Amino acid sequence: MKDFMNEKVVPKVMAFINTKAIQALKDGLLYSMPMMIVGAVFLLIANFPIPAFTEWLAEVGVTPVLNQAYNSTFGIMSMIASVGIAFTYVQNEGYKGLPAGVISLCCYLILQPQSLTLADGSAVNAIQGTWTGGQGMVGALGMGLIVGWIYSIFMKKDITIKMPAGVPEGVSQAFVALIPGAVIIIGVTILYAVVNLGLHSTPMEWIYSVIQAPLQGMTDSVGGVIGMGLMVPFLWFFGVHGSTIIGGIMSPMLASNTAANQAILDAGKELTLANGGHIVTQQFFDQFMTVTGAGLTIGLVLYLFAFSKSAQLRQIGKIGIAPCCGQAFL
């Protein structure tokens, strides 16, 4: 059995985990994490579960200020993810990743609606926060990966504009990105035109309705929860950080669920399943699947600490009990 796992299963699992796309997703999404945490603090204060306090915030005019900070941090997580994934992909290939991140941001904005219809039927130009937040996450992931992949191909084949040696590096790097940037942006613009003229929609709206919405529904299902719960310890079995890998893949969907829940509250509705609320969010994942360690390991640690007959395992329990308890409170 051991030989079978080492020869047949482990190589395939590791090959998947080490793919360029998974590595870019896992590491690139981390760039949006600080903004999501900071934004969540403003959201918590604005919606503190003490009515008297929230009413006072509204009376003194602080609530709009808190919402402004939230919308400019948590509310643009898809935008940051698009930049971070393209940047990470190209950087992992050994090239400067910032130009690719900027190109990915431009393409991400091309994909989404940039006008808003008012109640009187008139239209105004606007970048909608709906698509820079949770609903645009899958589109952002796809665009970040595609831009990173295509940009890396141009770099590998040296299809760039080369400046003389005396030109400052900043200017030289700008021209290096000119050809791949032009090709990628033109291609994305053509894609937008095809979807807009053919389907009377935008690529971002199409991606959300056809791909992201069904995926979010799967995360809220019993099967989806069981699958996430099993995959984390399954990867740990091979010595791979299961929480990081599964979290990197599922975090976009879970964050989108959180953003959808917040949109329901912002609309003045109750957060119920009937109103489209989601049970399984990043907080659900953290508190019921990975708290005290992947797989709720505090039970195992307590057993090793109190009842293990092996001196080695008992020592592991002693070492692990403090981190487990600390992680639970954090």
Protein backbone atom coordinates (compact mmCIF):
# COMPACT_ATOMS: atom_id res chain seq x y z
CA MET A 1 0.00 0.00 0.00
CA LYS A 2 2.81 2.37 0.92
CA ASP A 3 4.62 1.69 -2.35
CA PHE A 4 1.39 2.19 -4.32
CA MET A 5 0.77 5.57 -2.69
CA ASN A 6 4.36 6.72 -3.20
CA GLU A 7 4.59 5.53 -6.80
CA LYS A 8 1.10 6.13 -8.18
CA VAL A 9 -0.80 8.66 -6.10
CA VAL A 10 1.74 11.08 -4.63
CA PRO A 11 3.41 12.02 -7.97
CA LYS A 12 0.04 12.84 -9.56
CA VAL A 13 -1.14 14.91 -6.61
CA MET A 14 2.14 16.81 -6.44
CA ALA A 15 2.13 17.35 -10.21
CA PHE A 16 -1.29 19.01 -9.94
CA ILE A 17 -0.33 21.12 -6.93
CA ASN A 18 2.87 22.31 -8.59
CA THR A 19 1.23 23.39 -11.84
CA LYS A 20 1.90 26.99 -12.77
CA ALA A 21 -1.78 27.88 -12.60
CA ILE A 22 -2.33 26.52 -9.08
CA GLN A 23 0.83 28.16 -7.78
CA ALA A 24 -0.20 31.50 -9.31
CA LEU A 25 -3.70 31.22 -7.84
CA LYS A 26 -2.43 30.22 -4.40
CA ASP A 27 0.19 32.94 -4.12
CA GLY A 28 -1.49 35.63 -6.21
CA LEU A 29 -4.66 35.66 -4.13
CA LEU A 30 -2.60 36.49 -1.05
CA TYR A 31 -2.18 40.05 -2.36
CA SER A 32 -5.89 40.67 -1.81
CA MET A 33 -5.85 39.19 1.70
CA PRO A 34 -4.61 42.31 3.62
CA MET A 35 -7.24 44.51 1.97
CA MET A 36 -9.97 41.98 2.73
CA ILE A 37 -8.95 41.83 6.40
CA VAL A 38 -8.77 45.62 6.73
CA GLY A 39 -12.07 46.04 4.91
CA ALA A 40 -13.73 43.45 7.13
CA VAL A 41 -12.82 45.53 10.19
CA PHE A 42 -14.64 48.57 8.77
CA LEU A 43 -17.57 46.34 7.86
CA LEU A 44 -17.72 44.93 11.39
CA ILE A 45 -17.75 48.39 12.94
CA ALA A 46 -20.42 49.66 10.53
CA ASN A 47 -22.64 46.65 11.26
CA PHE A 48 -21.80 46.12 14.92
CA PRO A 49 -24.46 43.89 16.55
CA ILE A 50 -25.58 46.61 18.98
CA PRO A 51 -28.40 48.66 17.40
CA ALA A 52 -27.82 51.69 19.62
CA PHE A 53 -24.19 51.89 18.52
CA THR A 54 -24.94 51.55 14.78
CA GLU A 55 -27.74 54.12 15.06
CA TRP A 56 -25.33 56.53 16.72
CA LEU A 57 -22.79 55.98 13.92
CA ALA A 58 -25.47 56.82 11.35
CA GLU A 59 -26.58 59.94 13.25
CA VAL A 60 -23.09 61.42 13.44
CA GLY A 61 -22.39 60.56 9.79
CA VAL A 62 -19.68 57.97 10.37
CA THR A 63 -21.44 55.05 8.65
CA PRO A 64 -20.88 56.40 5.10
CA VAL A 65 -17.20 56.90 5.93
CA LEU A 66 -16.86 53.29 7.10
CA ASN A 67 -18.69 52.04 4.00
CA GLN A 68 -16.37 54.11 1.81
CA ALA A 69 -13.34 52.40 3.36
CA TYR A 70 -15.00 48.98 3.05
CA ASN A 71 -15.93 49.47 -0.61
CA SER A 72 -12.39 50.61 -1.42
CA THR A 73 -10.73 47.58 0.22
CA PHE A 74 -12.93 44.49 0.46
CA GLY A 75 -15.04 45.83 -2.40
CA ILE A 76 -12.19 45.68 -4.93
CA MET A 77 -10.83 42.24 -4.02
CA SER A 78 -11.40 40.89 -7.54
CA MET A 79 -9.44 43.76 -9.05
CA ILE A 80 -6.50 43.13 -6.72
CA ALA A 81 -6.68 39.37 -7.37
CA SER A 82 -6.45 39.93 -11.12
CA VAL A 83 -3.27 41.96 -10.70
CA GLY A 84 -1.75 39.62 -8.11
CA ILE A 85 -2.29 36.42 -10.09
CA ALA A 86 -0.83 37.77 -13.34
CA PHE A 87 2.08 39.29 -11.41
CA THR A 88 2.80 36.03 -9.58
CA TYR A 89 2.52 33.87 -12.71
CA VAL A 90 5.06 35.97 -14.63
CA GLN A 91 7.34 36.37 -11.63
CA ASN A 92 7.40 32.59 -11.15
CA GLU A 93 8.52 32.32 -14.77
CA GLY A 94 11.53 34.50 -13.94
CA TYR A 95 10.40 37.82 -15.43
CA LYS A 96 9.26 41.15 -13.97
CA GLY A 97 5.64 40.68 -13.05
CA LEU A 98 4.36 44.23 -12.54
CA PRO A 99 3.76 45.01 -16.26
CA ALA A 100 1.69 41.84 -16.56
CA GLY A 101 -0.30 42.82 -13.48
CA VAL A 102 -1.11 46.23 -14.97
CA ILE A 103 -2.12 44.64 -18.29
CA SER A 104 -4.34 42.18 -16.43
CA LEU A 105 -6.05 45.06 -14.61
CA CYS A 106 -6.77 46.83 -17.92
CA CYS A 107 -8.19 43.64 -19.45
CA TYR A 108 -10.25 42.95 -16.34
CA LEU A 109 -11.87 46.38 -16.66
CA ILE A 110 -12.54 45.85 -20.37
CA LEU A 111 -14.51 42.69 -19.59
CA GLN A 112 -17.06 44.30 -17.29
CA PRO A 113 -19.98 46.73 -17.71
CA GLN A 114 -18.90 50.36 -17.60
CA SER A 115 -22.29 52.04 -17.68
CA LEU A 116 -25.20 52.09 -15.27
CA THR A 117 -28.86 52.60 -16.14
CA LEU A 118 -30.63 54.99 -13.78
CA ALA A 119 -34.26 54.86 -12.69
CA ASP A 120 -35.26 57.42 -15.33
CA GLY A 121 -33.79 55.23 -18.09
CA SER A 122 -30.69 57.33 -18.71
CA ALA A 123 -27.23 55.76 -18.65
CA VAL A 124 -24.10 57.06 -16.93
CA ASN A 125 -20.52 55.89 -17.28
CA ALA A 126 -19.44 54.08 -14.13
CA ILE A 127 -17.30 51.16 -12.99
CA GLN A 128 -19.73 49.14 -10.92
CA GLY A 129 -18.61 47.92 -7.52
CA THR A 130 -20.66 44.79 -8.12
CA TRP A 131 -18.00 43.49 -10.49
CA THR A 132 -14.90 44.68 -8.65
CA GLY A 133 -16.00 42.67 -5.61
CA GLY A 134 -17.24 39.13 -5.22
CA GLN A 135 -19.22 38.75 -8.44
CA GLY A 136 -16.19 39.47 -10.59
CA MET A 137 -13.88 36.98 -8.87
CA VAL A 138 -13.94 34.11 -11.39
CA GLY A 139 -13.46 36.54 -14.26
CA ALA A 140 -10.53 38.07 -12.39
CA LEU A 141 -8.94 34.66 -11.80
CA GLY A 142 -9.29 33.67 -15.43
CA MET A 143 -7.96 36.98 -16.72
CA GLY A 144 -4.99 36.92 -14.35
CA LEU A 145 -3.99 33.42 -15.47
CA ILE A 146 -4.50 34.09 -19.19
CA VAL A 147 -2.58 37.37 -19.14
CA GLY A 148 0.25 35.82 -17.11
CA TRP A 149 0.48 32.86 -19.49
CA ILE A 150 0.44 34.90 -22.72
CA TYR A 151 2.82 37.54 -21.35
CA SER A 152 5.28 34.81 -20.32
CA ILE A 153 5.17 33.33 -23.84
CA PHE A 154 6.16 36.70 -25.31
CA MET A 155 9.00 37.01 -22.82
CA LYS A 156 10.28 33.48 -23.51
CA LYS A 157 10.24 34.04 -27.25
CA ASP A 158 11.80 37.49 -26.75
CA ILE A 159 9.04 39.22 -28.72
CA THR A 160 9.67 42.64 -27.20
CA ILE A 161 10.94 46.09 -28.10
CA LYS A 162 14.56 46.45 -27.03
CA MET A 163 15.86 49.88 -26.09
CA PRO A 164 19.51 51.04 -26.24
CA ALA A 165 21.71 50.41 -23.23
CA GLY A 166 21.65 54.05 -22.07
CA VAL A 167 17.88 54.18 -21.65
CA PRO A 168 16.72 54.15 -17.98
CA GLU A 169 15.46 50.76 -16.82
CA GLY A 170 11.97 52.07 -16.05
CA VAL A 171 11.52 53.35 -19.60
CA SER A 172 13.04 50.19 -21.04
CA GLN A 173 10.66 47.96 -19.05
CA ALA A 174 7.70 50.01 -20.26
CA PHE A 175 8.62 49.32 -23.88
CA VAL A 176 9.30 45.65 -23.12
CA ALA A 177 5.62 45.29 -22.19
CA LEU A 178 4.36 47.24 -25.21
CA ILE A 179 4.00 44.41 -27.75
CA PRO A 180 2.54 41.75 -25.42
CA GLY A 181 0.32 44.37 -23.82
CA ALA A 182 -1.02 45.55 -27.17
CA VAL A 183 -1.70 42.00 -28.39
CA ILE A 184 -3.43 40.95 -25.16
CA ILE A 185 -5.57 44.08 -24.89
CA ILE A 186 -6.62 43.89 -28.55
CA GLY A 187 -7.56 40.24 -28.08
CA VAL A 188 -9.63 41.00 -24.97
CA THR A 189 -11.33 43.90 -26.76
CA ILE A 190 -12.32 41.57 -29.61
CA LEU A 191 -13.70 39.13 -27.03
CA TYR A 192 -15.74 41.93 -25.48
CA ALA A 193 -17.08 42.94 -28.89
CA VAL A 194 -18.13 39.37 -29.74
CA VAL A 195 -19.99 38.87 -26.44
CA ASN A 196 -21.48 42.36 -26.45
CA LEU A 197 -22.74 42.24 -30.04
CA GLY A 198 -23.61 38.55 -30.11
CA LEU A 199 -25.07 37.99 -26.64
CA HIS A 200 -25.96 41.61 -25.73
CA SER A 201 -24.01 41.20 -22.52
CA THR A 202 -20.45 41.57 -21.26
CA PRO A 203 -17.90 38.78 -20.72
CA MET A 204 -17.94 39.41 -16.96
CA GLU A 205 -21.71 39.07 -16.73
CA TRP A 206 -21.62 35.93 -18.88
CA ILE A 207 -18.87 34.35 -16.76
CA TYR A 208 -20.80 35.08 -13.59
CA SER A 209 -24.09 33.62 -14.79
CA VAL A 210 -22.64 30.55 -16.54
CA ILE A 211 -19.65 29.65 -14.34
CA GLN A 212 -19.43 31.52 -11.05
CA ALA A 213 -23.04 31.33 -9.87
CA PRO A 214 -23.21 27.51 -10.27
CA LEU A 215 -19.84 27.15 -8.52
CA GLN A 216 -21.03 29.27 -5.61
CA GLY A 217 -24.10 27.05 -5.40
CA MET A 218 -21.86 23.99 -5.21
CA THR A 219 -19.91 25.42 -2.28
CA ASP A 220 -23.18 25.79 -0.39
CA SER A 221 -24.16 22.16 -0.95
CA VAL A 222 -23.57 19.27 1.46
CA GLY A 223 -21.37 17.58 -1.12
CA GLY A 224 -19.28 20.71 -1.57
CA VAL A 225 -18.70 21.08 2.17
CA ILE A 226 -17.78 17.40 2.55
CA GLY A 227 -15.45 17.64 -0.45
CA MET A 228 -13.60 20.64 1.01
CA GLY A 229 -13.45 18.98 4.40
CA LEU A 230 -11.94 15.78 3.01
CA MET A 231 -9.48 17.37 0.59
CA VAL A 232 -7.65 19.38 3.25
CA PRO A 233 -6.47 16.37 5.34
CA PHE A 234 -6.08 14.33 2.14
CA LEU A 235 -3.39 16.72 0.91
CA TRP A 236 -1.80 16.86 4.35
CA PHE A 237 -1.45 13.08 4.07
CA PHE A 238 1.10 13.73 1.30
CA GLY A 239 2.91 16.38 3.30
CA VAL A 240 1.29 19.24 1.40
CA HIS A 241 -0.28 22.23 3.19
CA GLY A 242 -3.88 21.27 2.45
CA SER A 243 -5.42 24.41 3.94
CA THR A 244 -3.32 26.66 1.73
CA ILE A 245 -3.99 24.70 -1.46
CA ILE A 246 -7.73 24.19 -0.98
CA GLY A 247 -8.05 27.67 0.46
CA GLY A 248 -6.30 29.12 -2.59
CA ILE A 249 -8.71 27.34 -4.93
CA MET A 250 -11.91 27.85 -2.93
CA SER A 251 -11.25 31.27 -1.39
CA PRO A 252 -12.59 33.14 -4.44
CA MET A 253 -15.92 31.32 -4.19
CA LEU A 254 -16.10 31.65 -0.41
CA ALA A 255 -15.22 35.35 -0.57
CA SER A 256 -17.89 35.82 -3.23
CA ASN A 257 -20.40 34.17 -0.90
CA THR A 258 -19.41 36.61 1.83
CA ALA A 259 -19.78 39.57 -0.53
CA ALA A 260 -23.20 38.30 -1.65
CA ASN A 261 -24.31 38.07 1.98
CA GLN A 262 -23.17 41.64 2.58
CA ALA A 263 -25.10 42.82 -0.49
CA ILE A 264 -28.26 41.29 0.99
CA LEU A 265 -27.71 43.17 4.26
CA ASP A 266 -26.94 46.40 2.39
CA ALA A 267 -30.29 46.04 0.61
CA GLY A 268 -32.03 46.00 4.00
CA LYS A 269 -33.08 42.36 3.76
CA GLU A 270 -32.72 39.54 6.25
CA LEU A 271 -29.80 37.21 5.67
CA THR A 272 -31.77 34.04 4.91
CA LEU A 273 -31.56 31.29 2.33
CA ALA A 274 -34.85 32.50 0.88
CA ASN A 275 -33.22 35.86 0.13
CA GLY A 276 -30.22 34.21 -1.50
CA GLY A 277 -27.93 34.06 1.53
CA HIS A 278 -24.97 31.68 1.69
CA ILE A 279 -24.09 29.49 4.67
CA VAL A 280 -20.63 28.41 3.53
CA THR A 281 -18.26 31.37 3.53
CA GLN A 282 -14.58 31.84 4.34
CA GLN A 283 -15.55 32.29 7.98
CA PHE A 284 -17.45 28.98 7.93
CA PHE A 285 -14.38 27.29 6.43
CA ASP A 286 -12.08 28.80 9.07
CA GLN A 287 -14.29 28.10 12.09
CA PHE A 288 -15.61 24.64 11.28
CA MET A 289 -12.91 23.03 9.12
CA THR A 290 -9.50 24.45 9.92
CA VAL A 291 -9.82 26.02 13.38
CA THR A 292 -7.04 24.70 15.69
CA GLY A 293 -5.46 23.18 12.58
CA ALA A 294 -6.67 21.43 9.44
CA GLY A 295 -9.32 18.89 10.37
CA LEU A 296 -9.97 20.33 13.86
CA THR A 297 -6.75 18.76 15.07
CA ILE A 298 -7.13 19.93 18.66
CA GLY A 299 -8.93 16.64 19.41
CA LEU A 300 -5.95 14.63 18.20
CA VAL A 301 -3.51 16.92 20.01
CA LEU A 302 -5.42 16.61 23.30
CA TYR A 303 -5.51 12.84 22.94
CA LEU A 304 -1.76 12.67 22.31
CA PHE A 305 -1.10 15.01 25.22
CA ALA A 306 -3.30 13.20 27.75
CA PHE A 307 -3.60 9.56 26.71
CA SER A 308 -0.85 8.56 24.28
CA LYS A 309 1.36 5.72 25.50
CA SER A 310 4.12 6.68 23.10
CA ALA A 311 6.62 9.11 24.59
CA GLN A 312 7.31 10.55 21.14
CA LEU A 313 3.63 11.17 20.36
CA ARG A 314 3.03 12.55 23.86
CA GLN A 315 5.82 15.04 23.28
CA ILE A 316 4.21 16.05 19.97
CA GLY A 317 0.98 16.65 21.90
CA LYS A 318 2.77 18.86 24.41
CA ILE A 319 4.37 20.89 21.64
CA GLY A 320 1.17 21.18 19.62
CA ILE A 321 -1.35 22.10 22.28
CA ALA A 322 -0.26 25.75 22.61
CA PRO A 323 -0.33 26.50 18.84
CA CYS A 324 -3.71 24.75 18.55
CA CYS A 325 -5.26 26.82 21.31
CA GLY A 326 -3.64 30.00 20.01
CA GLN A 327 -5.01 29.40 16.51
CA ALA A 328 -8.48 28.84 17.94
CA PHE A 329 -8.51 32.22 19.68
CA LEU A 330 -6.98 34.04 16.71
